[in-house]
Amino acid sequence: MPKPKKTPGTAIKRGVPPAHPGEVLKEMFIEERGLTITEVAEGIGVRRPNLSAIINGHNGISAEMAIKLAEAFGTTPQFWINLQNNYELFYAEEKVDRTKIRHFIPAKAS
């Protein structure tokens, strides 16, 4: 497997995109515990369609949702926020054309 490429000021380029946080939630937390989406939605006080949208990759995990999931599954809110941020950053890195960005970095003093 090739080593990940890293350029100054950018995230590590991975060969495989990170999983959507909803996929992690579904596979590692809901299915592994034999729970249903309805059961989890009711347990954390959200509507089933809202949780389903996250699980199906249509919505991301907000700070409020991260707190609810952390409390329900014994994780930290930061765990869920990190999953979301890593997912978004990976795809943002692919979209942004850095060559068209003007730099405002001060010159080093001699």
PDB file of N, CA and C in Angstrom:
ATOM      1  N   MET A   1       0.847  -1.184   0.000  1.00  0.00           N
ATOM      2  CA  MET A   1       0.000   0.000   0.000  1.00  0.00           C
ATOM      3  C   MET A   1       0.887   1.240   0.000  1.00  0.00           C
ATOM      4  N   PRO A   2       0.646   2.209  -0.908  1.00  0.00           N
ATOM      5  CA  PRO A   2       1.488   3.396  -0.955  1.00  0.00           C
ATOM      6  C   PRO A   2       1.287   4.258   0.276  1.00  0.00           C
ATOM      7  N   LYS A   3       2.351   4.977   0.627  1.00  0.00           N
ATOM      8  CA  LYS A   3       2.292   5.877   1.772  1.00  0.00           C
ATOM      9  C   LYS A   3       1.384   7.054   1.448  1.00  0.00           C
ATOM     10  N   PRO A   4       0.584   7.536   2.434  1.00  0.00           N
ATOM     11  CA  PRO A   4      -0.273   8.690   2.169  1.00  0.00           C
ATOM     12  C   PRO A   4       0.570   9.909   1.823  1.00  0.00           C
ATOM     13  N   LYS A   5       0.068  10.715   0.866  1.00  0.00           N
ATOM     14  CA  LYS A   5       0.767  11.938   0.491  1.00  0.00           C
ATOM     15  C   LYS A   5       0.347  13.042   1.444  1.00  0.00           C
ATOM     16  N   LYS A   6       1.299  13.860   1.835  1.00  0.00           N
ATOM     17  CA  LYS A   6       0.971  15.003   2.687  1.00  0.00           C
ATOM     18  C   LYS A   6       1.680  16.222   2.142  1.00  0.00           C
ATOM     19  N   THR A   7       0.932  17.278   1.932  1.00  0.00           N
ATOM     20  CA  THR A   7       1.496  18.526   1.482  1.00  0.00           C
ATOM     21  C   THR A   7       1.319  19.529   2.598  1.00  0.00           C
ATOM     22  N   PRO A   8       2.231  20.465   2.752  1.00  0.00           N
ATOM     23  CA  PRO A   8       2.079  21.443   3.828  1.00  0.00           C
ATOM     24  C   PRO A   8       0.724  22.129   3.774  1.00  0.00           C
ATOM     25  N   GLY A   9       0.060  22.188   4.905  1.00  0.00           N
ATOM     26  CA  GLY A   9      -1.220  22.877   5.003  1.00  0.00           C
ATOM     27  C   GLY A   9      -2.407  22.082   4.484  1.00  0.00           C
ATOM     28  N   THR A  10      -2.229  20.810   4.206  1.00  0.00           N
ATOM     29  CA  THR A  10      -3.350  20.012   3.731  1.00  0.00           C
ATOM     30  C   THR A  10      -3.517  18.782   4.592  1.00  0.00           C
ATOM     31  N   ALA A  11      -4.683  18.202   4.503  1.00  0.00           N
ATOM     32  CA  ALA A  11      -4.932  16.949   5.221  1.00  0.00           C
ATOM     33  C   ALA A  11      -4.239  15.824   4.474  1.00  0.00           C
ATOM     34  N   ILE A  12      -4.027  14.723   5.144  1.00  0.00           N
ATOM     35  CA  ILE A  12      -3.421  13.554   4.506  1.00  0.00           C
ATOM     36  C   ILE A  12      -4.355  13.050   3.421  1.00  0.00           C
ATOM     37  N   LYS A  13      -3.809  12.808   2.256  1.00  0.00           N
ATOM     38  CA  LYS A  13      -4.590  12.238   1.157  1.00  0.00           C
ATOM     39  C   LYS A  13      -4.607  10.735   1.334  1.00  0.00           C
ATOM     40  N   ARG A  14      -5.782  10.187   1.486  1.00  0.00           N
ATOM     41  CA  ARG A  14      -5.919   8.742   1.658  1.00  0.00           C
ATOM     42  C   ARG A  14      -6.437   8.132   0.369  1.00  0.00           C
ATOM     43  N   GLY A  15      -6.055   6.900   0.137  1.00  0.00           N
ATOM     44  CA  GLY A  15      -6.541   6.212  -1.036  1.00  0.00           C
ATOM     45  C   GLY A  15      -8.019   5.880  -0.929  1.00  0.00           C
ATOM     46  N   VAL A  16      -8.501   5.664   0.273  1.00  0.00           N
ATOM     47  CA  VAL A  16      -9.896   5.280   0.488  1.00  0.00           C
ATOM     48  C   VAL A  16     -10.590   6.400   1.261  1.00  0.00           C
ATOM     49  N   PRO A  17     -11.719   6.885   0.745  1.00  0.00           N
ATOM     50  CA  PRO A  17     -12.429   7.949   1.459  1.00  0.00           C
ATOM     51  C   PRO A  17     -12.917   7.461   2.824  1.00  0.00           C
ATOM     52  N   PRO A  18     -12.995   8.360   3.799  1.00  0.00           N
ATOM     53  CA  PRO A  18     -13.515   7.959   5.101  1.00  0.00           C
ATOM     54  C   PRO A  18     -15.002   7.629   4.997  1.00  0.00           C
ATOM     55  N   ALA A  19     -15.443   6.741   5.852  1.00  0.00           N
ATOM     56  CA  ALA A  19     -16.865   6.394   5.888  1.00  0.00           C
ATOM     57  C   ALA A  19     -17.669   7.586   6.368  1.00  0.00           C
ATOM     58  N   HIS A  20     -18.887   7.699   5.862  1.00  0.00           N
ATOM     59  CA  HIS A  20     -19.794   8.728   6.365  1.00  0.00           C
ATOM     60  C   HIS A  20     -20.087   8.378   7.825  1.00  0.00           C
ATOM     61  N   PRO A  21     -20.185   9.381   8.690  1.00  0.00           N
ATOM     62  CA  PRO A  21     -20.475   9.102  10.106  1.00  0.00           C
ATOM     63  C   PRO A  21     -21.743   8.274  10.310  1.00  0.00           C
ATOM     64  N   GLY A  22     -22.726   8.441   9.449  1.00  0.00           N
ATOM     65  CA  GLY A  22     -23.952   7.655   9.554  1.00  0.00           C
ATOM     66  C   GLY A  22     -23.710   6.174   9.329  1.00  0.00           C
ATOM     67  N   GLU A  23     -22.755   5.853   8.458  1.00  0.00           N
ATOM     68  CA  GLU A  23     -22.407   4.456   8.213  1.00  0.00           C
ATOM     69  C   GLU A  23     -21.753   3.853   9.456  1.00  0.00           C
ATOM     70  N   VAL A  24     -20.890   4.633  10.095  1.00  0.00           N
ATOM     71  CA  VAL A  24     -20.245   4.183  11.334  1.00  0.00           C
ATOM     72  C   VAL A  24     -21.298   3.976  12.408  1.00  0.00           C
ATOM     73  N   LEU A  25     -22.203   4.925  12.538  1.00  0.00           N
ATOM     74  CA  LEU A  25     -23.286   4.827  13.514  1.00  0.00           C
ATOM     75  C   LEU A  25     -24.107   3.566  13.285  1.00  0.00           C
ATOM     76  N   LYS A  26     -24.485   3.337  12.052  1.00  0.00           N
ATOM     77  CA  LYS A  26     -25.322   2.179  11.721  1.00  0.00           C
ATOM     78  C   LYS A  26     -24.607   0.864  12.004  1.00  0.00           C
ATOM     79  N   GLU A  27     -23.396   0.711  11.449  1.00  0.00           N
ATOM     80  CA  GLU A  27     -22.705  -0.577  11.529  1.00  0.00           C
ATOM     81  C   GLU A  27     -22.103  -0.861  12.905  1.00  0.00           C
ATOM     82  N   MET A  28     -21.475   0.129  13.504  1.00  0.00           N
ATOM     83  CA  MET A  28     -20.733  -0.120  14.749  1.00  0.00           C
ATOM     84  C   MET A  28     -21.548   0.096  16.017  1.00  0.00           C
ATOM     85  N   PHE A  29     -22.620   0.842  15.917  1.00  0.00           N
ATOM     86  CA  PHE A  29     -23.352   1.164  17.137  1.00  0.00           C
ATOM     87  C   PHE A  29     -24.789   0.644  17.133  1.00  0.00           C
ATOM     88  N   ILE A  30     -25.453   0.711  16.010  1.00  0.00           N
ATOM     89  CA  ILE A  30     -26.850   0.264  15.974  1.00  0.00           C
ATOM     90  C   ILE A  30     -26.933  -1.237  15.688  1.00  0.00           C
ATOM     91  N   GLU A  31     -26.359  -1.662  14.578  1.00  0.00           N
ATOM     92  CA  GLU A  31     -26.446  -3.085  14.201  1.00  0.00           C
ATOM     93  C   GLU A  31     -25.729  -3.989  15.195  1.00  0.00           C
ATOM     94  N   GLU A  32     -24.547  -3.581  15.658  1.00  0.00           N
ATOM     95  CA  GLU A  32     -23.793  -4.428  16.599  1.00  0.00           C
ATOM     96  C   GLU A  32     -24.536  -4.648  17.909  1.00  0.00           C
ATOM     97  N   ARG A  33     -25.406  -3.729  18.259  1.00  0.00           N
ATOM     98  CA  ARG A  33     -26.161  -3.865  19.503  1.00  0.00           C
ATOM     99  C   ARG A  33     -27.561  -4.430  19.271  1.00  0.00           C
ATOM    100  N   GLY A  34     -27.871  -4.764  18.028  1.00  0.00           N
ATOM    101  CA  GLY A  34     -29.181  -5.326  17.707  1.00  0.00           C
ATOM    102  C   GLY A  34     -30.309  -4.332  17.886  1.00  0.00           C
ATOM    103  N   LEU A  35     -30.017  -3.057  17.666  1.00  0.00           N
ATOM    104  CA  LEU A  35     -31.018  -2.009  17.832  1.00  0.00           C
ATOM    105  C   LEU A  35     -31.669  -1.673  16.495  1.00  0.00           C
ATOM    106  N   THR A  36     -32.777  -0.968  16.560  1.00  0.00           N
ATOM    107  CA  THR A  36     -33.420  -0.458  15.348  1.00  0.00           C
ATOM    108  C   THR A  36     -33.231   1.048  15.300  1.00  0.00           C
ATOM    109  N   ILE A  37     -33.391   1.601  14.110  1.00  0.00           N
ATOM    110  CA  ILE A  37     -33.289   3.054  13.958  1.00  0.00           C
ATOM    111  C   ILE A  37     -34.381   3.731  14.783  1.00  0.00           C
ATOM    112  N   THR A  38     -35.572   3.173  14.761  1.00  0.00           N
ATOM    113  CA  THR A  38     -36.689   3.731  15.533  1.00  0.00           C
ATOM    114  C   THR A  38     -36.363   3.743  17.021  1.00  0.00           C
ATOM    115  N   GLU A  39     -35.830   2.650  17.513  1.00  0.00           N
ATOM    116  CA  GLU A  39     -35.480   2.533  18.930  1.00  0.00           C
ATOM    117  C   GLU A  39     -34.437   3.576  19.331  1.00  0.00           C
ATOM    118  N   VAL A  40     -33.428   3.750  18.502  1.00  0.00           N
ATOM    119  CA  VAL A  40     -32.378   4.728  18.810  1.00  0.00           C
ATOM    120  C   VAL A  40     -32.926   6.150  18.714  1.00  0.00           C
ATOM    121  N   ALA A  41     -33.703   6.419  17.674  1.00  0.00           N
ATOM    122  CA  ALA A  41     -34.291   7.756  17.524  1.00  0.00           C
ATOM    123  C   ALA A  41     -35.117   8.129  18.749  1.00  0.00           C
ATOM    124  N   GLU A  42     -35.960   7.210  19.186  1.00  0.00           N
ATOM    125  CA  GLU A  42     -36.774   7.474  20.376  1.00  0.00           C
ATOM    126  C   GLU A  42     -35.896   7.643  21.608  1.00  0.00           C
ATOM    127  N   GLY A  43     -34.853   6.826  21.698  1.00  0.00           N
ATOM    128  CA  GLY A  43     -33.973   6.866  22.858  1.00  0.00           C
ATOM    129  C   GLY A  43     -33.165   8.145  22.998  1.00  0.00           C
ATOM    130  N   ILE A  44     -32.883   8.797  21.874  1.00  0.00           N
ATOM    131  CA  ILE A  44     -32.103  10.042  21.949  1.00  0.00           C
ATOM    132  C   ILE A  44     -32.973  11.279  21.727  1.00  0.00           C
ATOM    133  N   GLY A  45     -34.271  11.054  21.538  1.00  0.00           N
ATOM    134  CA  GLY A  45     -35.204  12.175  21.444  1.00  0.00           C
ATOM    135  C   GLY A  45     -35.200  12.909  20.115  1.00  0.00           C
ATOM    136  N   VAL A  46     -35.043  12.161  19.011  1.00  0.00           N
ATOM    137  CA  VAL A  46     -35.120  12.771  17.682  1.00  0.00           C
ATOM    138  C   VAL A  46     -36.147  12.005  16.854  1.00  0.00           C
ATOM    139  N   ARG A  47     -36.589  12.625  15.776  1.00  0.00           N
ATOM    140  CA  ARG A  47     -37.528  11.950  14.880  1.00  0.00           C
ATOM    141  C   ARG A  47     -36.780  10.909  14.052  1.00  0.00           C
ATOM    142  N   ARG A  48     -37.452   9.802  13.792  1.00  0.00           N
ATOM    143  CA  ARG A  48     -36.827   8.716  13.031  1.00  0.00           C
ATOM    144  C   ARG A  48     -36.305   9.179  11.670  1.00  0.00           C
ATOM    145  N   PRO A  49     -37.086   9.992  10.907  1.00  0.00           N
ATOM    146  CA  PRO A  49     -36.573  10.437   9.605  1.00  0.00           C
ATOM    147  C   PRO A  49     -35.260  11.234   9.711  1.00  0.00           C
ATOM    148  N   ASN A  50     -35.105  11.974  10.801  1.00  0.00           N
ATOM    149  CA  ASN A  50     -33.863  12.747  10.985  1.00  0.00           C
ATOM    150  C   ASN A  50     -32.670  11.816  11.194  1.00  0.00           C
ATOM    151  N   LEU A  51     -32.849  10.808  12.029  1.00  0.00           N
ATOM    152  CA  LEU A  51     -31.763   9.845  12.269  1.00  0.00           C
ATOM    153  C   LEU A  51     -31.507   9.020  11.011  1.00  0.00           C
ATOM    154  N   SER A  52     -32.553   8.647  10.324  1.00  0.00           N
ATOM    155  CA  SER A  52     -32.430   7.875   9.096  1.00  0.00           C
ATOM    156  C   SER A  52     -31.644   8.653   8.036  1.00  0.00           C
ATOM    157  N   ALA A  53     -31.867   9.954   7.946  1.00  0.00           N
ATOM    158  CA  ALA A  53     -31.146  10.786   6.978  1.00  0.00           C
ATOM    159  C   ALA A  53     -29.649  10.793   7.259  1.00  0.00           C
ATOM    160  N   ILE A  54     -29.275  10.754   8.529  1.00  0.00           N
ATOM    161  CA  ILE A  54     -27.855  10.675   8.894  1.00  0.00           C
ATOM    162  C   ILE A  54     -27.305   9.309   8.509  1.00  0.00           C
ATOM    163  N   ILE A  55     -28.014   8.276   8.883  1.00  0.00           N
ATOM    164  CA  ILE A  55     -27.565   6.912   8.616  1.00  0.00           C
ATOM    165  C   ILE A  55     -27.415   6.651   7.111  1.00  0.00           C
ATOM    166  N   ASN A  56     -28.274   7.256   6.314  1.00  0.00           N
ATOM    167  CA  ASN A  56     -28.218   7.063   4.866  1.00  0.00           C
ATOM    168  C   ASN A  56     -27.296   8.055   4.163  1.00  0.00           C
ATOM    169  N   GLY A  57     -26.573   8.847   4.935  1.00  0.00           N
ATOM    170  CA  GLY A  57     -25.583   9.750   4.351  1.00  0.00           C
ATOM    171  C   GLY A  57     -26.145  11.019   3.746  1.00  0.00           C
ATOM    172  N   HIS A  58     -27.412  11.335   4.018  1.00  0.00           N
ATOM    173  CA  HIS A  58     -28.019  12.540   3.461  1.00  0.00           C
ATOM    174  C   HIS A  58     -27.767  13.762   4.335  1.00  0.00           C
ATOM    175  N   ASN A  59     -27.593  13.559   5.616  1.00  0.00           N
ATOM    176  CA  ASN A  59     -27.309  14.640   6.562  1.00  0.00           C
ATOM    177  C   ASN A  59     -26.061  14.291   7.355  1.00  0.00           C
ATOM    178  N   GLY A  60     -25.422  15.334   7.869  1.00  0.00           N
ATOM    179  CA  GLY A  60     -24.262  15.139   8.722  1.00  0.00           C
ATOM    180  C   GLY A  60     -24.658  15.141  10.185  1.00  0.00           C
ATOM    181  N   ILE A  61     -23.665  15.002  11.022  1.00  0.00           N
ATOM    182  CA  ILE A  61     -23.887  14.993  12.469  1.00  0.00           C
ATOM    183  C   ILE A  61     -23.580  16.380  13.019  1.00  0.00           C
ATOM    184  N   SER A  62     -24.601  17.001  13.595  1.00  0.00           N
ATOM    185  CA  SER A  62     -24.453  18.327  14.202  1.00  0.00           C
ATOM    186  C   SER A  62     -23.834  18.187  15.592  1.00  0.00           C
ATOM    187  N   ALA A  63     -23.458  19.311  16.164  1.00  0.00           N
ATOM    188  CA  ALA A  63     -22.910  19.303  17.523  1.00  0.00           C
ATOM    189  C   ALA A  63     -23.940  18.754  18.512  1.00  0.00           C
ATOM    190  N   GLU A  64     -25.191  19.139  18.355  1.00  0.00           N
ATOM    191  CA  GLU A  64     -26.254  18.657  19.248  1.00  0.00           C
ATOM    192  C   GLU A  64     -26.429  17.145  19.114  1.00  0.00           C
ATOM    193  N   MET A  65     -26.432  16.657  17.884  1.00  0.00           N
ATOM    194  CA  MET A  65     -26.558  15.220  17.654  1.00  0.00           C
ATOM    195  C   MET A  65     -25.349  14.485  18.218  1.00  0.00           C
ATOM    196  N   ALA A  66     -24.174  15.078  18.091  1.00  0.00           N
ATOM    197  CA  ALA A  66     -22.957  14.457  18.626  1.00  0.00           C
ATOM    198  C   ALA A  66     -23.075  14.267  20.137  1.00  0.00           C
ATOM    199  N   ILE A  67     -23.641  15.230  20.813  1.00  0.00           N
ATOM    200  CA  ILE A  67     -23.821  15.131  22.266  1.00  0.00           C
ATOM    201  C   ILE A  67     -24.814  14.013  22.595  1.00  0.00           C
ATOM    202  N   LYS A  68     -25.895  13.943  21.858  1.00  0.00           N
ATOM    203  CA  LYS A  68     -26.906  12.899  22.106  1.00  0.00           C
ATOM    204  C   LYS A  68     -26.336  11.507  21.851  1.00  0.00           C
ATOM    205  N   LEU A  69     -25.616  11.341  20.736  1.00  0.00           N
ATOM    206  CA  LEU A  69     -25.029  10.036  20.417  1.00  0.00           C
ATOM    207  C   LEU A  69     -23.965   9.644  21.433  1.00  0.00           C
ATOM    208  N   ALA A  70     -23.170  10.609  21.855  1.00  0.00           N
ATOM    209  CA  ALA A  70     -22.133  10.334  22.854  1.00  0.00           C
ATOM    210  C   ALA A  70     -22.751   9.841  24.158  1.00  0.00           C
ATOM    211  N   GLU A  71     -23.799  10.488  24.585  1.00  0.00           N
ATOM    212  CA  GLU A  71     -24.473  10.095  25.824  1.00  0.00           C
ATOM    213  C   GLU A  71     -25.098   8.711  25.689  1.00  0.00           C
ATOM    214  N   ALA A  72     -25.710   8.453  24.548  1.00  0.00           N
ATOM    215  CA  ALA A  72     -26.405   7.187  24.339  1.00  0.00           C
ATOM    216  C   ALA A  72     -25.453   6.001  24.211  1.00  0.00           C
ATOM    217  N   PHE A  73     -24.302   6.223  23.580  1.00  0.00           N
ATOM    218  CA  PHE A  73     -23.415   5.100  23.276  1.00  0.00           C
ATOM    219  C   PHE A  73     -22.108   5.095  24.069  1.00  0.00           C
ATOM    220  N   GLY A  74     -21.979   6.002  25.019  1.00  0.00           N
ATOM    221  CA  GLY A  74     -20.786   6.000  25.872  1.00  0.00           C
ATOM    222  C   GLY A  74     -19.520   6.420  25.153  1.00  0.00           C
ATOM    223  N   THR A  75     -19.663   7.306  24.180  1.00  0.00           N
ATOM    224  CA  THR A  75     -18.495   7.854  23.488  1.00  0.00           C
ATOM    225  C   THR A  75     -18.337   9.308  23.920  1.00  0.00           C
ATOM    226  N   THR A  76     -17.651  10.089  23.121  1.00  0.00           N
ATOM    227  CA  THR A  76     -17.548  11.524  23.383  1.00  0.00           C
ATOM    228  C   THR A  76     -18.164  12.277  22.211  1.00  0.00           C
ATOM    229  N   PRO A  77     -18.645  13.488  22.447  1.00  0.00           N
ATOM    230  CA  PRO A  77     -19.134  14.287  21.322  1.00  0.00           C
ATOM    231  C   PRO A  77     -18.030  14.506  20.283  1.00  0.00           C
ATOM    232  N   GLN A  78     -16.803  14.665  20.758  1.00  0.00           N
ATOM    233  CA  GLN A  78     -15.680  14.901  19.854  1.00  0.00           C
ATOM    234  C   GLN A  78     -15.471  13.740  18.884  1.00  0.00           C
ATOM    235  N   PHE A  79     -15.742  12.514  19.317  1.00  0.00           N
ATOM    236  CA  PHE A  79     -15.643  11.351  18.435  1.00  0.00           C
ATOM    237  C   PHE A  79     -16.530  11.544  17.204  1.00  0.00           C
ATOM    238  N   TRP A  80     -17.772  11.936  17.432  1.00  0.00           N
ATOM    239  CA  TRP A  80     -18.729  12.102  16.340  1.00  0.00           C
ATOM    240  C   TRP A  80     -18.391  13.316  15.484  1.00  0.00           C
ATOM    241  N   ILE A  81     -17.977  14.395  16.127  1.00  0.00           N
ATOM    242  CA  ILE A  81     -17.586  15.603  15.383  1.00  0.00           C
ATOM    243  C   ILE A  81     -16.359  15.316  14.528  1.00  0.00           C
ATOM    244  N   ASN A  82     -15.402  14.564  15.052  1.00  0.00           N
ATOM    245  CA  ASN A  82     -14.209  14.205  14.282  1.00  0.00           C
ATOM    246  C   ASN A  82     -14.568  13.361  13.063  1.00  0.00           C
ATOM    247  N   LEU A  83     -15.477  12.402  13.226  1.00  0.00           N
ATOM    248  CA  LEU A  83     -15.922  11.605  12.077  1.00  0.00           C
ATOM    249  C   LEU A  83     -16.500  12.512  10.994  1.00  0.00           C
ATOM    250  N   GLN A  84     -17.351  13.444  11.416  1.00  0.00           N
ATOM    251  CA  GLN A  84     -17.995  14.355  10.465  1.00  0.00           C
ATOM    252  C   GLN A  84     -16.962  15.263   9.806  1.00  0.00           C
ATOM    253  N   ASN A  85     -16.074  15.843  10.607  1.00  0.00           N
ATOM    254  CA  ASN A  85     -15.066  16.754  10.056  1.00  0.00           C
ATOM    255  C   ASN A  85     -14.119  16.037   9.098  1.00  0.00           C
ATOM    256  N   ASN A  86     -13.684  14.840   9.442  1.00  0.00           N
ATOM    257  CA  ASN A  86     -12.796  14.083   8.562  1.00  0.00           C
ATOM    258  C   ASN A  86     -13.473  13.777   7.235  1.00  0.00           C
ATOM    259  N   TYR A  87     -14.741  13.424   7.294  1.00  0.00           N
ATOM    260  CA  TYR A  87     -15.506  13.121   6.092  1.00  0.00           C
ATOM    261  C   TYR A  87     -15.605  14.368   5.201  1.00  0.00           C
ATOM    262  N   GLU A  88     -15.999  15.480   5.796  1.00  0.00           N
ATOM    263  CA  GLU A  88     -16.162  16.718   5.032  1.00  0.00           C
ATOM    264  C   GLU A  88     -14.834  17.225   4.484  1.00  0.00           C
ATOM    265  N   LEU A  89     -13.795  17.160   5.295  1.00  0.00           N
ATOM    266  CA  LEU A  89     -12.486  17.651   4.871  1.00  0.00           C
ATOM    267  C   LEU A  89     -11.939  16.837   3.703  1.00  0.00           C
ATOM    268  N   PHE A  90     -12.134  15.537   3.726  1.00  0.00           N
ATOM    269  CA  PHE A  90     -11.650  14.693   2.634  1.00  0.00           C
ATOM    270  C   PHE A  90     -12.236  15.169   1.304  1.00  0.00           C
ATOM    271  N   TYR A  91     -13.550  15.392   1.277  1.00  0.00           N
ATOM    272  CA  TYR A  91     -14.202  15.795   0.033  1.00  0.00           C
ATOM    273  C   TYR A  91     -13.940  17.255  -0.319  1.00  0.00           C
ATOM    274  N   ALA A  92     -13.766  18.105   0.668  1.00  0.00           N
ATOM    275  CA  ALA A  92     -13.418  19.499   0.402  1.00  0.00           C
ATOM    276  C   ALA A  92     -12.035  19.586  -0.246  1.00  0.00           C
ATOM    277  N   GLU A  93     -11.099  18.752   0.211  1.00  0.00           N
ATOM    278  CA  GLU A  93      -9.752  18.740  -0.369  1.00  0.00           C
ATOM    279  C   GLU A  93      -9.800  18.409  -1.854  1.00  0.00           C
ATOM    280  N   GLU A  94     -10.736  17.572  -2.256  1.00  0.00           N
ATOM    281  CA  GLU A  94     -10.860  17.210  -3.667  1.00  0.00           C
ATOM    282  C   GLU A  94     -11.484  18.329  -4.498  1.00  0.00           C
ATOM    283  N   LYS A  95     -12.302  19.178  -3.879  1.00  0.00           N
ATOM    284  CA  LYS A  95     -13.017  20.226  -4.604  1.00  0.00           C
ATOM    285  C   LYS A  95     -12.227  21.518  -4.755  1.00  0.00           C
ATOM    286  N   VAL A  96     -11.444  21.865  -3.753  1.00  0.00           N
ATOM    287  CA  VAL A  96     -10.794  23.170  -3.728  1.00  0.00           C
ATOM    288  C   VAL A  96      -9.590  23.183  -4.661  1.00  0.00           C
ATOM    289  N   ASP A  97      -9.563  24.172  -5.556  1.00  0.00           N
ATOM    290  CA  ASP A  97      -8.413  24.383  -6.428  1.00  0.00           C
ATOM    291  C   ASP A  97      -7.489  25.374  -5.740  1.00  0.00           C
ATOM    292  N   ARG A  98      -6.449  24.864  -5.121  1.00  0.00           N
ATOM    293  CA  ARG A  98      -5.531  25.701  -4.349  1.00  0.00           C
ATOM    294  C   ARG A  98      -4.706  26.639  -5.231  1.00  0.00           C
ATOM    295  N   THR A  99      -4.582  26.340  -6.515  1.00  0.00           N
ATOM    296  CA  THR A  99      -3.755  27.163  -7.405  1.00  0.00           C
ATOM    297  C   THR A  99      -4.354  28.543  -7.621  1.00  0.00           C
ATOM    298  N   LYS A 100      -5.645  28.710  -7.355  1.00  0.00           N
ATOM    299  CA  LYS A 100      -6.309  29.996  -7.577  1.00  0.00           C
ATOM    300  C   LYS A 100      -6.434  30.821  -6.296  1.00  0.00           C
ATOM    301  N   ILE A 101      -5.778  30.380  -5.239  1.00  0.00           N
ATOM    302  CA  ILE A 101      -5.882  31.082  -3.962  1.00  0.00           C
ATOM    303  C   ILE A 101      -4.659  31.970  -3.765  1.00  0.00           C
ATOM    304  N   ARG A 102      -4.918  33.233  -3.475  1.00  0.00           N
ATOM    305  CA  ARG A 102      -3.845  34.185  -3.189  1.00  0.00           C
ATOM    306  C   ARG A 102      -3.359  33.957  -1.766  1.00  0.00           C
ATOM    307  N   HIS A 103      -2.054  33.953  -1.578  1.00  0.00           N
ATOM    308  CA  HIS A 103      -1.479  33.738  -0.250  1.00  0.00           C
ATOM    309  C   HIS A 103      -1.219  35.063   0.447  1.00  0.00           C
ATOM    310  N   PHE A 104      -1.491  35.107   1.726  1.00  0.00           N
ATOM    311  CA  PHE A 104      -1.275  36.285   2.560  1.00  0.00           C
ATOM    312  C   PHE A 104      -0.323  35.965   3.695  1.00  0.00           C
ATOM    313  N   ILE A 105       0.658  35.172   3.395  1.00  0.00           N
ATOM    314  CA  ILE A 105       1.634  34.735   4.397  1.00  0.00           C
ATOM    315  C   ILE A 105       2.753  35.766   4.437  1.00  0.00           C
ATOM    316  N   PRO A 106       3.040  36.337   5.616  1.00  0.00           N
ATOM    317  CA  PRO A 106       4.099  37.357   5.680  1.00  0.00           C
ATOM    318  C   PRO A 106       5.469  36.769   5.335  1.00  0.00           C
ATOM    319  N   ALA A 107       6.265  37.573   4.694  1.00  0.00           N
ATOM    320  CA  ALA A 107       7.637  37.138   4.358  1.00  0.00           C
ATOM    321  C   ALA A 107       8.452  37.033   5.639  1.00  0.00           C
ATOM    322  N   LYS A 108       9.360  36.080   5.650  1.00  0.00           N
ATOM    323  CA  LYS A 108      10.219  35.906   6.830  1.00  0.00           C
ATOM    324  C   LYS A 108      11.253  37.013   6.880  1.00  0.00           C
ATOM    325  N   ALA A 109      11.495  37.494   8.100  1.00  0.00           N
ATOM    326  CA  ALA A 109      12.510  38.563   8.285  1.00  0.00           C
ATOM    327  C   ALA A 109      13.899  37.975   8.105  1.00  0.00           C
ATOM    328  N   SER A 110      14.794  38.745   7.458  1.00  0.00           N
ATOM    329  CA  SER A 110      16.153  38.225   7.264  1.00  0.00           C
ATOM    330  C   SER A 110      17.088  38.616   8.351  1.00  0.00           C
TER     331      SER A 110
END
